[in-house]
C-alpha atoms as a PDB file:
ATOM      1  CA  MET A   1      -2.119  16.634   7.596  1.00  0.00           C
ATOM      2  CA  LYS A   2      -4.984  15.018   5.778  1.00  0.00           C
ATOM      3  CA  LYS A   3      -5.415  14.638   2.036  1.00  0.00           C
ATOM      4  CA  LYS A   4      -8.621  14.247   0.083  1.00  0.00           C
ATOM      5  CA  LEU A   5      -9.047  11.066  -1.969  1.00  0.00           C
ATOM      6  CA  THR A   6     -11.864   9.854  -4.194  1.00  0.00           C
ATOM      7  CA  LEU A   7     -12.484   6.099  -4.174  1.00  0.00           C
ATOM      8  CA  THR A   8     -14.716   3.826  -6.184  1.00  0.00           C
ATOM      9  CA  ILE A   9     -16.021   0.875  -4.174  1.00  0.00           C
ATOM     10  CA  ASP A  10     -18.402  -2.018  -4.714  1.00  0.00           C
ATOM     11  CA  ASP A  11     -22.102  -1.474  -4.013  1.00  0.00           C
ATOM     12  CA  ASP A  12     -22.174  -3.894  -1.079  1.00  0.00           C
ATOM     13  CA  VAL A  13     -19.266  -2.116   0.618  1.00  0.00           C
ATOM     14  CA  TYR A  14     -20.931   1.253   0.051  1.00  0.00           C
ATOM     15  CA  ASP A  15     -24.208  -0.004   1.500  1.00  0.00           C
ATOM     16  CA  SER A  16     -22.408  -1.373   4.569  1.00  0.00           C
ATOM     17  CA  LEU A  17     -20.701   1.969   5.161  1.00  0.00           C
ATOM     18  CA  GLY A  18     -24.096   3.643   4.972  1.00  0.00           C
ATOM     19  CA  GLU A  19     -25.221   1.551   7.948  1.00  0.00           C
ATOM     20  CA  LEU A  20     -22.644   3.183  10.231  1.00  0.00           C
ATOM     21  CA  PRO A  21     -24.021   5.507  12.916  1.00  0.00           C
ATOM     22  CA  ARG A  22     -24.065   9.162  11.842  1.00  0.00           C
ATOM     23  CA  LYS A  23     -21.400  10.120  14.365  1.00  0.00           C
ATOM     24  CA  VAL A  24     -18.904   7.669  12.793  1.00  0.00           C
ATOM     25  CA  SER A  25     -16.845   9.215  10.002  1.00  0.00           C
ATOM     26  CA  ILE A  26     -16.621   7.041   6.894  1.00  0.00           C
ATOM     27  CA  SER A  27     -13.252   8.672   6.159  1.00  0.00           C
ATOM     28  CA  GLU A  28     -11.931   7.556   9.543  1.00  0.00           C
ATOM     29  CA  VAL A  29     -13.221   4.008   9.017  1.00  0.00           C
ATOM     30  CA  VAL A  30     -11.609   3.748   5.568  1.00  0.00           C
ATOM     31  CA  SER A  31      -8.375   5.262   6.889  1.00  0.00           C
ATOM     32  CA  LEU A  32      -8.332   2.750   9.753  1.00  0.00           C
ATOM     33  CA  PHE A  33      -8.830  -0.178   7.355  1.00  0.00           C
ATOM     34  CA  LEU A  34      -6.123   1.085   4.990  1.00  0.00           C
ATOM     35  CA  LYS A  35      -3.652   1.521   7.857  1.00  0.00           C
ATOM     36  CA  ALA A  36      -4.393  -2.019   9.061  1.00  0.00           C
ATOM     37  CA  MET A  37      -3.939  -3.426   5.549  1.00  0.00           C
ATOM     38  CA  VAL A  38      -0.628  -1.624   5.102  1.00  0.00           C
ATOM     39  CA  ALA A  39       0.583  -2.966   8.460  1.00  0.00           C
ATOM     40  CA  ASP A  40      -0.443  -6.506   7.472  1.00  0.00           C
ATOM     41  CA  ILE A  41       1.285  -6.247   4.099  1.00  0.00           C
ATOM     42  CA  GLN A  42       4.465  -4.857   5.673  1.00  0.00           C
ATOM     43  CA  GLY A  43       4.563  -7.882   7.979  1.00  0.00           C
ATOM     44  CA  MET A  44       4.350 -10.371   5.098  1.00  0.00           C
ATOM     45  CA  SER A  45       7.309 -11.978   3.427  1.00  0.00           C
ATOM     46  CA  GLN A  46       7.663 -11.427  -0.310  1.00  0.00           C
ATOM     47  CA  LYS A  47       6.458 -15.001  -0.885  1.00  0.00           C
ATOM     48  CA  GLU A  48       3.367 -14.544   1.328  1.00  0.00           C
ATOM     49  CA  LEU A  49       2.510 -11.269  -0.392  1.00  0.00           C
ATOM     50  CA  SER A  50       2.876 -12.829  -3.853  1.00  0.00           C
ATOM     51  CA  GLU A  51       0.664 -15.770  -2.864  1.00  0.00           C
ATOM     52  CA  TYR A  52      -1.955 -13.388  -1.451  1.00  0.00           C
ATOM     53  CA  LEU A  53      -1.970 -11.240  -4.589  1.00  0.00           C
ATOM     54  CA  ASP A  54      -1.995 -14.246  -6.926  1.00  0.00           C
ATOM     55  CA  SER A  55      -4.947 -15.850  -5.106  1.00  0.00           C
ATOM     56  CA  ASP A  56      -7.402 -13.393  -6.687  1.00  0.00           C
ATOM     57  CA  PRO A  57      -7.371 -12.450 -10.390  1.00  0.00           C
ATOM     58  CA  ARG A  58      -8.347  -8.837  -9.680  1.00  0.00           C
ATOM     59  CA  ARG A  59      -5.563  -8.341  -7.112  1.00  0.00           C
ATOM     60  CA  LYS A  60      -3.088  -9.865  -9.568  1.00  0.00           C
ATOM     61  CA  GLU A  61      -4.321  -7.509 -12.278  1.00  0.00           C
ATOM     62  CA  VAL A  62      -3.914  -4.473 -10.003  1.00  0.00           C
ATOM     63  CA  ARG A  63      -0.427  -5.623  -8.926  1.00  0.00           C
ATOM     64  CA  ASP A  64       0.655  -6.058 -12.547  1.00  0.00           C
ATOM     65  CA  TYR A  65      -0.683  -2.597 -13.413  1.00  0.00           C
ATOM     66  CA  VAL A  66       1.160  -0.991 -10.495  1.00  0.00           C
ATOM     67  CA  ILE A  67       4.396  -2.771 -11.417  1.00  0.00           C
ATOM     68  CA  GLU A  68       4.052  -1.688 -15.042  1.00  0.00           C
ATOM     69  CA  LYS A  69       3.148   1.952 -14.381  1.00  0.00           C
ATOM     70  CA  ILE A  70       4.879   2.790 -11.095  1.00  0.00           C
ATOM     71  CA  GLY A  71       7.674   0.202 -10.961  1.00  0.00           C
ATOM     72  CA  PRO A  72       9.966   1.926 -13.489  1.00  0.00           C
ATOM     73  CA  MET A  73       9.617   5.217 -11.615  1.00  0.00           C
ATOM     74  CA  VAL A  74      10.430   3.564  -8.268  1.00  0.00           C
ATOM     75  CA  ASN A  75      13.408   1.746  -9.788  1.00  0.00           C
ATOM     76  CA  LYS A  76      14.674   5.025 -11.227  1.00  0.00           C
ATOM     77  CA  VAL A  77      14.379   6.763  -7.845  1.00  0.00           C
ATOM     78  CA  ASP A  78      16.026   3.796  -6.086  1.00  0.00           C
ATOM     79  CA  GLY A  79      18.942   4.029  -8.499  1.00  0.00           C
ATOM     80  CA  HIS A  80      19.427   7.725  -7.747  1.00  0.00           C
ATOM     81  CA  VAL A  81      19.209   7.098  -4.003  1.00  0.00           C
ATOM     82  CA  ASP A  82      21.845   4.364  -4.292  1.00  0.00           C
ATOM     83  CA  ASN A  83      24.130   6.745  -6.209  1.00  0.00           C
ATOM     84  CA  VAL A  84      23.742   9.420  -3.541  1.00  0.00           C
ATOM     85  CA  LYS A  85      24.475   6.882  -0.798  1.00  0.00           C
ATOM     86  CA  LYS A  86      27.627   5.757  -2.596  1.00  0.00           C
ATOM     87  CA  THR A  87      28.734   9.356  -3.065  1.00  0.00           C
ATOM     88  CA  LEU A  88      28.171  10.126   0.614  1.00  0.00           C
ATOM     89  CA  GLY A  89      29.626   6.811   1.761  1.00  0.00           C
ATOM     90  CA  LEU A  90      26.399   5.741   3.448  1.00  0.00           C
ATOM     91  CA  LYS A  91      25.546   2.112   4.051  1.00  0.00           C
ATOM     92  CA  LYS A  92      22.103   0.523   3.986  1.00  0.00           C
ATOM     93  CA  GLU A  93      20.301   0.651   7.300  1.00  0.00           C
ATOM     94  CA  LYS A  94      18.948  -2.570   8.695  1.00  0.00           C
ATOM     95  CA  LYS A  95      15.170  -2.596   8.924  1.00  0.00           C
ATOM     96  CA  GLN A  96      13.868  -2.775  12.440  1.00  0.00           C
ATOM     97  CA  LYS A  97      11.278  -5.433  13.053  1.00  0.00           C
ATOM     98  CA  GLY A  98       7.823  -4.158  13.906  1.00  0.00           C
ATOM     99  CA  LEU A  99       8.070  -0.865  12.025  1.00  0.00           C
END
């Protein structure tokens, strides 16, 4: 299933996307880049990710915003999940490398 998303991007990025051949879908290009970025981030250690985010003031600003606005919600959900696991007697699964 696909979802519609509106993005705001820098002028130079927009101009570069406009240079793609007509038969290439900008949505597919952006989706491909986002998937690659997510895969790269998932492969980073917490230290590497922090260093990457701290290396640019704008990335640091976005990270801080996400932590402030979304972090409490994620922590709340994590707490409920942990309670359910305890109730059901489930243990944490080990993460498989490469996923």
